[in-house]
Amino acid sequence: MKLTKNDTRPDNGGKKVVSRADAVVFMIASAAVAVLTTVTTVAGIIGYTSGPVTLVLPVATANHAATGLLPGVTGHFTAMEATLPTLPSGPGELLAWADSLNQIGFLALLVLVFLLARRLRSETLFTSGSAWIVGACGAALTVFGTVGQILDSIARSRLAELIGANARTPGEAYSFSADFNLAPVLLGLVLVLVAGVFQFGRRLQQDTDGLV
């Protein structure tokens, strides 16, 4: 049995969650944020090669005890803010790569917002291209965000060793100190799952169109 289209049903009478005007705002905002964050990232990378650089470095050893605490309370520092007159070439390059990769991952998220808003504006959301865009941006965010954070942690740990913040005493165990944020990984995996939802929505839409 083939269903026919009912022309008497309401046509777009309700309020849309995202209107065309809202979609344009999202497109403009995502593009502006992309430009601003890219300029800031480039300026930060240039700053690694010119003038003093202030960084928060991990302290992986327990011999930097905190003083002035209440009686019976002990503690040690796990991070310190250090100002270096110049950065060594090795850690400096790692920091530059880390910032670049983190920015690429963030740009992937902004590109996703821009393209989805554009497709919402044209009312062509559930397409094979949309599913591919969501999946690719999710994978890029996961990979670049993860690698960027690893390189950043390696660079900061090397700098901490070079300036003596992680000076080890004989017999003291040493553990690699890293500040890792799981948000890019989790968000990237969610986007990959959303890509599967888009594929399902596309198939459902095609089946529905076949009945109309």
N, C-alpha and C. Protein backbone atom coordinates (compact mmCIF):
# COMPACT_ATOMS: atom_id res chain seq x y z
N MET A 1 0.85 -1.19 0.00
CA MET A 1 0.00 0.00 0.00
C MET A 1 0.89 1.24 0.00
N LYS A 2 0.59 2.18 -0.83
CA LYS A 2 1.37 3.40 -0.97
C LYS A 2 0.60 4.56 -0.38
N LEU A 3 1.26 5.27 0.52
CA LEU A 3 0.63 6.43 1.14
C LEU A 3 0.77 7.63 0.24
N THR A 4 -0.18 8.52 0.34
CA THR A 4 -0.13 9.76 -0.44
C THR A 4 0.07 10.93 0.49
N LYS A 5 0.62 11.97 -0.01
CA LYS A 5 0.92 13.15 0.78
C LYS A 5 -0.36 13.91 1.09
N ASN A 6 -0.52 14.28 2.32
CA ASN A 6 -1.68 15.04 2.76
C ASN A 6 -1.35 16.52 2.72
N ASP A 7 -1.91 17.26 1.76
CA ASP A 7 -1.58 18.67 1.59
C ASP A 7 -2.28 19.56 2.60
N THR A 8 -3.19 18.98 3.41
CA THR A 8 -3.92 19.83 4.36
C THR A 8 -3.27 19.90 5.72
N ARG A 9 -2.16 19.19 5.93
CA ARG A 9 -1.51 19.22 7.24
C ARG A 9 -0.80 20.56 7.44
N PRO A 10 -0.54 20.97 8.70
CA PRO A 10 0.12 22.25 8.95
C PRO A 10 1.51 22.25 8.35
N ASP A 11 1.89 23.37 7.80
CA ASP A 11 3.18 23.50 7.12
C ASP A 11 4.03 24.54 7.84
N ASN A 12 5.00 24.02 8.65
CA ASN A 12 5.96 24.90 9.32
C ASN A 12 5.27 25.97 10.17
N GLY A 13 4.17 25.61 10.78
CA GLY A 13 3.48 26.61 11.58
C GLY A 13 4.11 26.82 12.94
N GLY A 14 4.79 25.77 13.46
CA GLY A 14 5.38 25.88 14.79
C GLY A 14 6.71 26.59 14.75
N LYS A 15 7.17 26.97 15.95
CA LYS A 15 8.44 27.67 16.06
C LYS A 15 9.58 26.68 15.91
N LYS A 16 10.56 26.99 15.10
CA LYS A 16 11.71 26.14 14.88
C LYS A 16 12.71 26.32 16.02
N VAL A 17 13.37 25.20 16.36
CA VAL A 17 14.41 25.28 17.38
C VAL A 17 15.56 26.15 16.90
N VAL A 18 15.97 25.96 15.66
CA VAL A 18 17.02 26.77 15.03
C VAL A 18 16.46 27.30 13.72
N SER A 19 16.21 28.59 13.68
CA SER A 19 15.71 29.22 12.47
C SER A 19 16.86 29.51 11.51
N ARG A 20 16.51 29.99 10.33
CA ARG A 20 17.56 30.36 9.37
C ARG A 20 18.41 31.51 9.88
N ALA A 21 17.76 32.45 10.57
CA ALA A 21 18.52 33.56 11.15
C ALA A 21 19.48 33.06 12.23
N ASP A 22 19.00 32.12 13.06
CA ASP A 22 19.88 31.55 14.09
C ASP A 22 21.05 30.82 13.45
N ALA A 23 20.79 30.12 12.36
CA ALA A 23 21.86 29.40 11.68
C ALA A 23 22.93 30.35 11.16
N VAL A 24 22.50 31.49 10.64
CA VAL A 24 23.46 32.49 10.16
C VAL A 24 24.31 33.02 11.31
N VAL A 25 23.67 33.24 12.47
CA VAL A 25 24.40 33.71 13.65
C VAL A 25 25.46 32.69 14.06
N PHE A 26 25.08 31.40 14.06
CA PHE A 26 26.04 30.35 14.40
C PHE A 26 27.20 30.33 13.40
N MET A 27 26.91 30.53 12.13
CA MET A 27 27.96 30.52 11.12
C MET A 27 28.93 31.67 11.34
N ILE A 28 28.40 32.86 11.58
CA ILE A 28 29.25 34.04 11.79
C ILE A 28 30.07 33.89 13.07
N ALA A 29 29.42 33.40 14.14
CA ALA A 29 30.11 33.27 15.42
C ALA A 29 31.24 32.24 15.34
N SER A 30 30.97 31.10 14.70
CA SER A 30 32.00 30.07 14.59
C SER A 30 33.18 30.55 13.74
N ALA A 31 32.90 31.28 12.66
CA ALA A 31 33.98 31.81 11.83
C ALA A 31 34.80 32.84 12.60
N ALA A 32 34.13 33.71 13.36
CA ALA A 32 34.85 34.72 14.13
C ALA A 32 35.72 34.09 15.21
N VAL A 33 35.19 33.09 15.91
CA VAL A 33 35.97 32.40 16.94
C VAL A 33 37.16 31.68 16.32
N ALA A 34 36.97 31.09 15.14
CA ALA A 34 38.06 30.40 14.46
C ALA A 34 39.20 31.36 14.14
N VAL A 35 38.86 32.52 13.62
CA VAL A 35 39.89 33.52 13.29
C VAL A 35 40.59 34.01 14.55
N LEU A 36 39.81 34.32 15.59
CA LEU A 36 40.38 34.86 16.83
C LEU A 36 41.31 33.86 17.49
N THR A 37 40.87 32.61 17.63
CA THR A 37 41.71 31.62 18.30
C THR A 37 42.95 31.27 17.47
N THR A 38 42.82 31.30 16.15
CA THR A 38 43.99 31.03 15.31
C THR A 38 45.03 32.13 15.46
N VAL A 39 44.58 33.38 15.46
CA VAL A 39 45.51 34.50 15.65
C VAL A 39 46.18 34.40 17.02
N THR A 40 45.41 34.07 18.05
CA THR A 40 45.97 33.94 19.40
C THR A 40 46.99 32.81 19.46
N THR A 41 46.69 31.69 18.82
CA THR A 41 47.61 30.56 18.82
C THR A 41 48.91 30.90 18.10
N VAL A 42 48.80 31.55 16.95
CA VAL A 42 50.00 31.94 16.21
C VAL A 42 50.83 32.92 17.02
N ALA A 43 50.19 33.87 17.67
CA ALA A 43 50.91 34.82 18.51
C ALA A 43 51.63 34.11 19.65
N GLY A 44 50.97 33.10 20.25
CA GLY A 44 51.61 32.36 21.32
C GLY A 44 52.81 31.57 20.83
N ILE A 45 52.70 30.98 19.64
CA ILE A 45 53.84 30.23 19.08
C ILE A 45 55.00 31.16 18.79
N ILE A 46 54.70 32.34 18.24
CA ILE A 46 55.77 33.31 17.99
C ILE A 46 56.42 33.75 19.30
N GLY A 47 55.59 33.85 20.36
CA GLY A 47 56.13 34.24 21.66
C GLY A 47 57.12 33.25 22.23
N TYR A 48 57.06 31.97 21.81
CA TYR A 48 58.02 30.99 22.29
C TYR A 48 59.44 31.29 21.83
N THR A 49 59.56 32.02 20.73
CA THR A 49 60.88 32.29 20.16
C THR A 49 61.37 33.70 20.44
N SER A 50 60.58 34.50 21.12
CA SER A 50 60.99 35.89 21.36
C SER A 50 60.65 36.27 22.80
N GLY A 51 61.68 36.72 23.52
CA GLY A 51 61.45 37.25 24.85
C GLY A 51 61.22 36.17 25.89
N PRO A 52 61.02 36.58 27.15
CA PRO A 52 60.77 35.62 28.23
C PRO A 52 59.43 34.92 28.04
N VAL A 53 59.36 33.67 28.50
CA VAL A 53 58.15 32.86 28.40
C VAL A 53 57.80 32.35 29.78
N THR A 54 56.56 32.57 30.20
CA THR A 54 56.08 32.09 31.49
C THR A 54 55.19 30.88 31.27
N LEU A 55 55.55 29.77 31.90
CA LEU A 55 54.82 28.51 31.74
C LEU A 55 54.57 27.86 33.09
N VAL A 56 53.49 27.11 33.17
CA VAL A 56 53.23 26.27 34.34
C VAL A 56 53.84 24.91 34.07
N LEU A 57 54.82 24.52 34.88
CA LEU A 57 55.55 23.29 34.67
C LEU A 57 55.21 22.28 35.76
N PRO A 58 55.15 20.99 35.40
CA PRO A 58 54.83 19.96 36.40
C PRO A 58 56.03 19.66 37.28
N VAL A 59 55.77 19.42 38.53
CA VAL A 59 56.80 19.00 39.48
C VAL A 59 56.48 17.57 39.87
N ALA A 60 57.27 16.63 39.37
CA ALA A 60 56.95 15.21 39.54
C ALA A 60 57.60 14.60 40.76
N THR A 61 58.47 15.32 41.45
CA THR A 61 59.15 14.76 42.61
C THR A 61 58.57 15.34 43.89
N ALA A 62 58.76 14.63 44.99
CA ALA A 62 58.18 15.03 46.27
C ALA A 62 59.16 15.79 47.15
N ASN A 63 60.33 16.16 46.62
CA ASN A 63 61.30 16.83 47.47
C ASN A 63 61.10 18.34 47.51
N HIS A 64 60.05 18.85 46.85
CA HIS A 64 59.72 20.27 46.93
C HIS A 64 58.58 20.41 47.95
N ALA A 65 58.93 20.36 49.21
CA ALA A 65 57.92 20.37 50.26
C ALA A 65 57.37 21.78 50.45
N ALA A 66 56.10 21.84 50.77
CA ALA A 66 55.46 23.12 51.05
C ALA A 66 55.72 23.50 52.50
N THR A 67 56.09 24.75 52.72
CA THR A 67 56.38 25.23 54.07
C THR A 67 55.27 26.15 54.56
N GLY A 68 55.27 26.39 55.89
CA GLY A 68 54.28 27.30 56.46
C GLY A 68 52.93 26.66 56.71
N LEU A 69 52.84 25.32 56.65
CA LEU A 69 51.58 24.65 56.89
C LEU A 69 51.34 24.46 58.38
N LEU A 70 50.12 24.10 58.74
CA LEU A 70 49.78 23.86 60.13
C LEU A 70 50.55 22.66 60.66
N PRO A 71 50.77 22.61 61.97
CA PRO A 71 51.49 21.47 62.55
C PRO A 71 50.79 20.15 62.23
N GLY A 72 51.57 19.16 61.82
CA GLY A 72 51.03 17.86 61.48
C GLY A 72 50.58 17.72 60.04
N VAL A 73 50.56 18.84 59.29
CA VAL A 73 50.15 18.82 57.89
C VAL A 73 51.38 18.85 57.00
N THR A 74 51.44 17.95 56.05
CA THR A 74 52.56 17.93 55.11
C THR A 74 52.02 18.05 53.69
N GLY A 75 52.85 18.51 52.81
CA GLY A 75 52.46 18.66 51.42
C GLY A 75 53.66 18.98 50.56
N HIS A 76 53.52 18.79 49.26
CA HIS A 76 54.58 19.16 48.33
C HIS A 76 53.95 19.71 47.06
N PHE A 77 54.73 20.46 46.32
CA PHE A 77 54.25 21.11 45.11
C PHE A 77 54.20 20.12 43.95
N THR A 78 53.14 20.19 43.17
CA THR A 78 53.01 19.36 41.97
C THR A 78 53.14 20.17 40.68
N ALA A 79 53.18 21.49 40.81
CA ALA A 79 53.34 22.36 39.64
C ALA A 79 53.93 23.68 40.09
N MET A 80 54.58 24.35 39.17
CA MET A 80 55.16 25.66 39.47
C MET A 80 55.11 26.54 38.24
N GLU A 81 54.99 27.83 38.46
CA GLU A 81 55.01 28.79 37.36
C GLU A 81 56.43 29.33 37.22
N ALA A 82 57.02 29.11 36.07
CA ALA A 82 58.41 29.52 35.85
C ALA A 82 58.48 30.44 34.64
N THR A 83 59.35 31.44 34.74
CA THR A 83 59.60 32.36 33.64
C THR A 83 61.00 32.10 33.10
N LEU A 84 61.05 31.67 31.85
CA LEU A 84 62.33 31.34 31.21
C LEU A 84 62.70 32.46 30.24
N PRO A 85 63.95 32.93 30.27
CA PRO A 85 64.35 33.99 29.34
C PRO A 85 64.26 33.55 27.88
N THR A 86 64.63 32.31 27.63
CA THR A 86 64.51 31.72 26.28
C THR A 86 64.15 30.25 26.43
N LEU A 87 63.48 29.73 25.43
CA LEU A 87 63.12 28.31 25.44
C LEU A 87 64.15 27.52 24.63
N PRO A 88 64.60 26.38 25.14
CA PRO A 88 65.44 25.50 24.33
C PRO A 88 64.69 25.06 23.07
N SER A 89 65.42 24.80 22.02
CA SER A 89 64.79 24.51 20.73
C SER A 89 63.91 23.27 20.78
N GLY A 90 64.35 22.22 21.45
CA GLY A 90 63.57 20.98 21.49
C GLY A 90 62.21 21.15 22.14
N PRO A 91 62.15 21.52 23.42
CA PRO A 91 60.86 21.73 24.06
C PRO A 91 60.04 22.84 23.42
N GLY A 92 60.73 23.86 22.90
CA GLY A 92 60.00 24.94 22.24
C GLY A 92 59.27 24.46 21.00
N GLU A 93 59.92 23.60 20.21
CA GLU A 93 59.26 23.05 19.03
C GLU A 93 58.09 22.14 19.41
N LEU A 94 58.27 21.36 20.48
CA LEU A 94 57.19 20.50 20.94
C LEU A 94 55.98 21.32 21.39
N LEU A 95 56.23 22.42 22.10
CA LEU A 95 55.13 23.28 22.53
C LEU A 95 54.43 23.90 21.32
N ALA A 96 55.22 24.31 20.33
CA ALA A 96 54.61 24.90 19.13
C ALA A 96 53.74 23.88 18.40
N TRP A 97 54.23 22.64 18.28
CA TRP A 97 53.44 21.59 17.64
C TRP A 97 52.19 21.28 18.46
N ALA A 98 52.35 21.25 19.78
CA ALA A 98 51.20 20.96 20.64
C ALA A 98 50.12 22.01 20.48
N ASP A 99 50.51 23.28 20.50
CA ASP A 99 49.52 24.35 20.32
C ASP A 99 48.86 24.27 18.95
N SER A 100 49.65 23.95 17.93
CA SER A 100 49.09 23.85 16.58
C SER A 100 48.08 22.72 16.47
N LEU A 101 48.42 21.56 17.03
CA LEU A 101 47.52 20.41 16.95
C LEU A 101 46.25 20.64 17.76
N ASN A 102 46.42 21.23 18.94
CA ASN A 102 45.23 21.54 19.74
C ASN A 102 44.32 22.53 19.02
N GLN A 103 44.92 23.48 18.33
CA GLN A 103 44.11 24.44 17.58
C GLN A 103 43.42 23.78 16.40
N ILE A 104 44.09 22.85 15.74
CA ILE A 104 43.46 22.14 14.63
C ILE A 104 42.25 21.34 15.13
N GLY A 105 42.40 20.69 16.28
CA GLY A 105 41.27 19.97 16.85
C GLY A 105 40.11 20.90 17.18
N PHE A 106 40.42 22.08 17.73
CA PHE A 106 39.37 23.04 18.04
C PHE A 106 38.73 23.58 16.77
N LEU A 107 39.55 23.81 15.73
CA LEU A 107 39.01 24.27 14.45
C LEU A 107 38.08 23.23 13.83
N ALA A 108 38.40 21.95 14.04
CA ALA A 108 37.51 20.89 13.52
C ALA A 108 36.13 21.01 14.14
N LEU A 109 36.08 21.34 15.43
CA LEU A 109 34.79 21.51 16.09
C LEU A 109 34.06 22.74 15.55
N LEU A 110 34.79 23.82 15.32
CA LEU A 110 34.17 25.03 14.78
C LEU A 110 33.70 24.82 13.34
N VAL A 111 34.47 24.08 12.56
CA VAL A 111 34.05 23.76 11.19
C VAL A 111 32.76 22.96 11.22
N LEU A 112 32.66 22.05 12.17
CA LEU A 112 31.45 21.25 12.29
C LEU A 112 30.24 22.15 12.59
N VAL A 113 30.41 23.08 13.52
CA VAL A 113 29.31 24.00 13.85
C VAL A 113 28.91 24.82 12.63
N PHE A 114 29.91 25.33 11.90
CA PHE A 114 29.65 26.16 10.72
C PHE A 114 28.90 25.37 9.64
N LEU A 115 29.39 24.18 9.32
CA LEU A 115 28.78 23.41 8.24
C LEU A 115 27.39 22.90 8.60
N LEU A 116 27.21 22.48 9.86
CA LEU A 116 25.88 22.03 10.26
C LEU A 116 24.89 23.19 10.27
N ALA A 117 25.34 24.37 10.71
CA ALA A 117 24.46 25.54 10.67
C ALA A 117 24.11 25.90 9.22
N ARG A 118 25.07 25.76 8.34
CA ARG A 118 24.81 26.03 6.92
C ARG A 118 23.79 25.05 6.34
N ARG A 119 23.90 23.78 6.73
CA ARG A 119 22.95 22.79 6.24
C ARG A 119 21.57 22.97 6.87
N LEU A 120 21.55 23.41 8.13
CA LEU A 120 20.26 23.72 8.74
C LEU A 120 19.58 24.88 8.03
N ARG A 121 20.38 25.85 7.62
CA ARG A 121 19.83 27.01 6.92
C ARG A 121 19.24 26.59 5.58
N SER A 122 19.88 25.64 4.91
CA SER A 122 19.36 25.18 3.62
C SER A 122 18.39 24.00 3.77
N GLU A 123 18.15 23.58 5.04
CA GLU A 123 17.21 22.50 5.35
C GLU A 123 17.58 21.19 4.65
N THR A 124 18.89 20.93 4.59
CA THR A 124 19.39 19.65 4.04
C THR A 124 20.36 19.06 5.05
N LEU A 125 19.82 18.63 6.19
CA LEU A 125 20.69 18.18 7.28
C LEU A 125 21.07 16.71 7.15
N PHE A 126 20.08 15.83 6.97
CA PHE A 126 20.35 14.39 6.94
C PHE A 126 20.77 13.96 5.54
N THR A 127 22.05 14.17 5.26
CA THR A 127 22.63 13.74 3.99
C THR A 127 23.88 12.91 4.28
N SER A 128 24.36 12.22 3.27
CA SER A 128 25.58 11.44 3.44
C SER A 128 26.76 12.36 3.75
N GLY A 129 26.73 13.56 3.19
CA GLY A 129 27.79 14.52 3.47
C GLY A 129 27.80 14.97 4.91
N SER A 130 26.62 15.15 5.51
CA SER A 130 26.54 15.56 6.92
C SER A 130 27.12 14.50 7.83
N ALA A 131 26.77 13.24 7.56
CA ALA A 131 27.32 12.15 8.37
C ALA A 131 28.83 12.10 8.26
N TRP A 132 29.35 12.28 7.05
CA TRP A 132 30.80 12.26 6.86
C TRP A 132 31.46 13.43 7.58
N ILE A 133 30.85 14.61 7.54
CA ILE A 133 31.41 15.79 8.19
C ILE A 133 31.49 15.58 9.70
N VAL A 134 30.41 15.10 10.29
CA VAL A 134 30.39 14.89 11.74
C VAL A 134 31.43 13.86 12.15
N GLY A 135 31.51 12.74 11.43
CA GLY A 135 32.47 11.71 11.76
C GLY A 135 33.91 12.18 11.61
N ALA A 136 34.20 12.88 10.51
CA ALA A 136 35.57 13.36 10.27
C ALA A 136 35.99 14.38 11.32
N CYS A 137 35.09 15.30 11.66
CA CYS A 137 35.42 16.31 12.68
C CYS A 137 35.61 15.67 14.05
N GLY A 138 34.79 14.65 14.35
CA GLY A 138 34.97 13.95 15.62
C GLY A 138 36.30 13.22 15.69
N ALA A 139 36.68 12.56 14.61
CA ALA A 139 37.96 11.86 14.57
C ALA A 139 39.13 12.83 14.66
N ALA A 140 39.03 13.97 13.96
CA ALA A 140 40.10 14.98 14.01
C ALA A 140 40.25 15.55 15.40
N LEU A 141 39.12 15.83 16.06
CA LEU A 141 39.18 16.37 17.41
C LEU A 141 39.84 15.38 18.37
N THR A 142 39.50 14.11 18.24
CA THR A 142 40.08 13.09 19.12
C THR A 142 41.57 12.94 18.89
N VAL A 143 41.97 12.79 17.63
CA VAL A 143 43.38 12.52 17.32
C VAL A 143 44.25 13.73 17.61
N PHE A 144 43.90 14.88 17.05
CA PHE A 144 44.75 16.07 17.23
C PHE A 144 44.73 16.55 18.68
N GLY A 145 43.57 16.49 19.33
CA GLY A 145 43.51 16.90 20.73
C GLY A 145 44.34 16.01 21.63
N THR A 146 44.35 14.70 21.36
CA THR A 146 45.13 13.77 22.18
C THR A 146 46.63 13.95 21.95
N VAL A 147 47.04 13.95 20.69
CA VAL A 147 48.47 14.09 20.38
C VAL A 147 48.99 15.44 20.86
N GLY A 148 48.20 16.50 20.69
CA GLY A 148 48.63 17.81 21.15
C GLY A 148 48.88 17.85 22.64
N GLN A 149 48.02 17.22 23.41
CA GLN A 149 48.20 17.21 24.86
C GLN A 149 49.41 16.39 25.27
N ILE A 150 49.66 15.28 24.57
CA ILE A 150 50.83 14.46 24.88
C ILE A 150 52.12 15.22 24.62
N LEU A 151 52.20 15.90 23.47
CA LEU A 151 53.40 16.68 23.16
C LEU A 151 53.59 17.82 24.15
N ASP A 152 52.49 18.46 24.56
CA ASP A 152 52.58 19.54 25.53
C ASP A 152 53.12 19.03 26.87
N SER A 153 52.65 17.87 27.31
CA SER A 153 53.12 17.32 28.58
C SER A 153 54.59 16.94 28.52
N ILE A 154 55.01 16.35 27.39
CA ILE A 154 56.42 15.98 27.24
C ILE A 154 57.30 17.22 27.28
N ALA A 155 56.89 18.27 26.57
CA ALA A 155 57.69 19.49 26.52
C ALA A 155 57.81 20.13 27.90
N ARG A 156 56.71 20.22 28.62
CA ARG A 156 56.75 20.86 29.95
C ARG A 156 57.56 20.04 30.95
N SER A 157 57.48 18.71 30.85
CA SER A 157 58.28 17.86 31.74
C SER A 157 59.77 18.02 31.45
N ARG A 158 60.13 18.13 30.18
CA ARG A 158 61.54 18.33 29.82
C ARG A 158 62.03 19.68 30.34
N LEU A 159 61.21 20.71 30.20
CA LEU A 159 61.60 22.02 30.70
C LEU A 159 61.76 22.01 32.22
N ALA A 160 60.88 21.29 32.91
CA ALA A 160 60.99 21.20 34.37
C ALA A 160 62.30 20.54 34.77
N GLU A 161 62.73 19.53 34.01
CA GLU A 161 64.00 18.88 34.31
C GLU A 161 65.17 19.81 34.02
N LEU A 162 65.08 20.56 32.91
CA LEU A 162 66.18 21.44 32.52
C LEU A 162 66.42 22.56 33.52
N ILE A 163 65.36 23.08 34.12
CA ILE A 163 65.55 24.18 35.07
C ILE A 163 65.74 23.69 36.50
N GLY A 164 65.72 22.36 36.70
CA GLY A 164 65.98 21.81 38.03
C GLY A 164 64.75 21.64 38.89
N ALA A 165 63.57 21.84 38.33
CA ALA A 165 62.36 21.69 39.14
C ALA A 165 62.08 20.23 39.47
N ASN A 166 62.57 19.33 38.64
CA ASN A 166 62.38 17.90 38.85
C ASN A 166 63.69 17.21 39.18
N ALA A 167 64.55 17.90 39.91
CA ALA A 167 65.81 17.29 40.31
C ALA A 167 65.53 16.12 41.25
N ARG A 168 66.06 14.96 40.89
CA ARG A 168 65.78 13.77 41.66
C ARG A 168 66.90 13.47 42.64
N THR A 169 66.54 12.97 43.80
CA THR A 169 67.52 12.54 44.78
C THR A 169 67.79 11.06 44.58
N PRO A 170 68.98 10.57 45.01
CA PRO A 170 69.29 9.15 44.80
C PRO A 170 68.25 8.24 45.45
N GLY A 171 67.82 7.26 44.69
CA GLY A 171 66.85 6.30 45.21
C GLY A 171 65.41 6.74 45.12
N GLU A 172 65.16 7.95 44.64
CA GLU A 172 63.79 8.44 44.56
C GLU A 172 63.14 7.98 43.27
N ALA A 173 61.94 7.48 43.38
CA ALA A 173 61.20 7.03 42.20
C ALA A 173 60.73 8.25 41.41
N TYR A 174 60.75 8.12 40.10
CA TYR A 174 60.33 9.22 39.23
C TYR A 174 59.16 8.76 38.37
N SER A 175 58.15 9.57 38.31
CA SER A 175 56.99 9.27 37.47
C SER A 175 56.76 10.45 36.53
N PHE A 176 56.39 10.12 35.30
CA PHE A 176 56.13 11.16 34.31
C PHE A 176 54.86 11.91 34.69
N SER A 177 54.96 13.22 34.76
CA SER A 177 53.83 14.04 35.17
C SER A 177 53.17 14.63 33.93
N ALA A 178 51.87 14.43 33.81
CA ALA A 178 51.14 14.93 32.65
C ALA A 178 49.78 15.43 33.07
N ASP A 179 49.37 16.53 32.46
CA ASP A 179 48.04 17.09 32.70
C ASP A 179 47.21 16.81 31.45
N PHE A 180 46.38 15.78 31.54
CA PHE A 180 45.64 15.33 30.36
C PHE A 180 44.15 15.59 30.56
N ASN A 181 43.55 16.25 29.56
CA ASN A 181 42.12 16.56 29.59
C ASN A 181 41.40 15.58 28.67
N LEU A 182 40.45 14.83 29.24
CA LEU A 182 39.73 13.83 28.47
C LEU A 182 38.59 14.41 27.63
N ALA A 183 38.30 15.70 27.80
CA ALA A 183 37.16 16.30 27.10
C ALA A 183 37.26 16.16 25.57
N PRO A 184 38.40 16.46 24.92
CA PRO A 184 38.46 16.30 23.47
C PRO A 184 38.23 14.87 23.02
N VAL A 185 38.75 13.90 23.79
CA VAL A 185 38.57 12.49 23.42
C VAL A 185 37.10 12.10 23.54
N LEU A 186 36.49 12.45 24.66
CA LEU A 186 35.09 12.07 24.87
C LEU A 186 34.18 12.76 23.86
N LEU A 187 34.43 14.06 23.61
CA LEU A 187 33.60 14.79 22.66
C LEU A 187 33.79 14.24 21.25
N GLY A 188 35.02 13.89 20.91
CA GLY A 188 35.26 13.31 19.58
C GLY A 188 34.54 11.98 19.40
N LEU A 189 34.57 11.14 20.44
CA LEU A 189 33.88 9.86 20.35
C LEU A 189 32.36 10.06 20.26
N VAL A 190 31.85 11.04 20.98
CA VAL A 190 30.42 11.34 20.89
C VAL A 190 30.05 11.77 19.48
N LEU A 191 30.90 12.58 18.86
CA LEU A 191 30.62 13.04 17.50
C LEU A 191 30.64 11.87 16.50
N VAL A 192 31.54 10.92 16.72
CA VAL A 192 31.56 9.75 15.85
C VAL A 192 30.24 8.98 15.98
N LEU A 193 29.73 8.86 17.21
CA LEU A 193 28.43 8.21 17.41
C LEU A 193 27.31 9.02 16.77
N VAL A 194 27.40 10.36 16.87
CA VAL A 194 26.39 11.20 16.25
C VAL A 194 26.40 11.01 14.73
N ALA A 195 27.58 10.78 14.16
CA ALA A 195 27.66 10.51 12.71
C ALA A 195 26.84 9.28 12.36
N GLY A 196 26.89 8.25 13.24
CA GLY A 196 26.06 7.08 13.01
C GLY A 196 24.58 7.40 13.09
N VAL A 197 24.22 8.31 14.01
CA VAL A 197 22.83 8.75 14.11
C VAL A 197 22.40 9.47 12.83
N PHE A 198 23.28 10.26 12.26
CA PHE A 198 22.97 10.95 11.01
C PHE A 198 22.75 9.95 9.88
N GLN A 199 23.57 8.91 9.85
CA GLN A 199 23.37 7.89 8.81
C GLN A 199 22.02 7.20 8.98
N PHE A 200 21.66 6.90 10.23
CA PHE A 200 20.36 6.28 10.48
C PHE A 200 19.23 7.24 10.09
N GLY A 201 19.39 8.52 10.43
CA GLY A 201 18.37 9.51 10.06
C GLY A 201 18.23 9.64 8.56
N ARG A 202 19.34 9.54 7.83
CA ARG A 202 19.27 9.61 6.37
C ARG A 202 18.50 8.42 5.80
N ARG A 203 18.80 7.22 6.31
CA ARG A 203 18.08 6.04 5.82
C ARG A 203 16.59 6.13 6.16
N LEU A 204 16.28 6.62 7.37
CA LEU A 204 14.89 6.77 7.77
C LEU A 204 14.18 7.79 6.88
N GLN A 205 14.89 8.87 6.55
CA GLN A 205 14.30 9.89 5.68
C GLN A 205 14.06 9.34 4.28
N GLN A 206 15.00 8.54 3.77
CA GLN A 206 14.81 7.95 2.44
C GLN A 206 13.63 6.98 2.44
N ASP A 207 13.50 6.20 3.53
CA ASP A 207 12.35 5.28 3.61
C ASP A 207 11.05 6.05 3.68
N THR A 208 11.05 7.16 4.42
CA THR A 208 9.84 7.98 4.53
C THR A 208 9.49 8.62 3.20
N ASP A 209 10.49 9.13 2.50
CA ASP A 209 10.23 9.73 1.19
C ASP A 209 9.69 8.71 0.20
N GLY A 210 10.09 7.44 0.38
CA GLY A 210 9.59 6.41 -0.51
C GLY A 210 8.14 6.09 -0.29
N LEU A 211 7.64 6.42 0.92
CA LEU A 211 6.23 6.15 1.22
C LEU A 211 5.32 7.31 0.84
N VAL A 212 5.93 8.46 0.60
CA VAL A 212 5.10 9.66 0.32
C VAL A 212 4.81 9.76 -1.16
